[in-house]
């Protein structure tokens, strides 16, 4: 059992559904309502691959955001930028141009991730709605190879049909530690995420919870416990009702047997 002093959350697939158009992405009402209540008691921080312009309006219950995997952060109204990005942006621009000219399916979405100055600092190629999934996947593989040749940071997601391109290597564990330092927090950290990119943050937290949905690579996650996506709101309500005391005996919580086997 652990008293949760701060709650760190991924966004896509964790507190918002994956299989919806980007313009319709939102936190379900039950989850949003309980997060508003929790946010009156402890800090809530979002660590996401999305940019600030996307995620902040959708998560008004949060106190701070680490966007584009930590490349730009916001604490209250204060924006914190990653230094020395400027010289890397030309390579991001080249890769983005290559991606736009080598994707032939109009249903493949190329999502540009912009900083608070409007500069494209990263992008995502998402082919989940492609008419020809195999062709789209092959084209994305070639885009990835081009990005690697430019020494850009490339993140793929095993079973999930999208990839992210960053100007530098990113790490959610480092992003979590930076936010803890900024907020002057140390213990009682609960992190909730749904993919292997969340593993460094799982390991940097005191208790970690992996969210299970149709695309979750459960065997690859190093979280302590699992919860189904549709039960995230119920879990948070139970956590709140238990005075923010996390317990593995909550009925919707399952132990990650895979992590235990790796010890």
Foldseek 3Di string as FASTA:
>chain_A
DFFAQEEEEEADLWQWDPPDPLVPTAGDPLQLVLLLVVLVPHAYEYAYLAAPVRVCVRRVSHQKYCYNQNQWIDGRNDIDHDPPLVVLLVLQVVLVVLLVVQADFPQWDKAFHAYPVGRRFKIKTACPPGPDLVSRQVSVVVSVVSLVVSVWAKADFVQHRMIMTGSHHHANLVSVVVVCVVVVHDANYEYEEFTLSCQSVQVNHPAYEHEDDPRGPLLNHLGQKYAYSVCSSVQSVVCVVVVSGDDCPPPRIGGSVSNVVVD
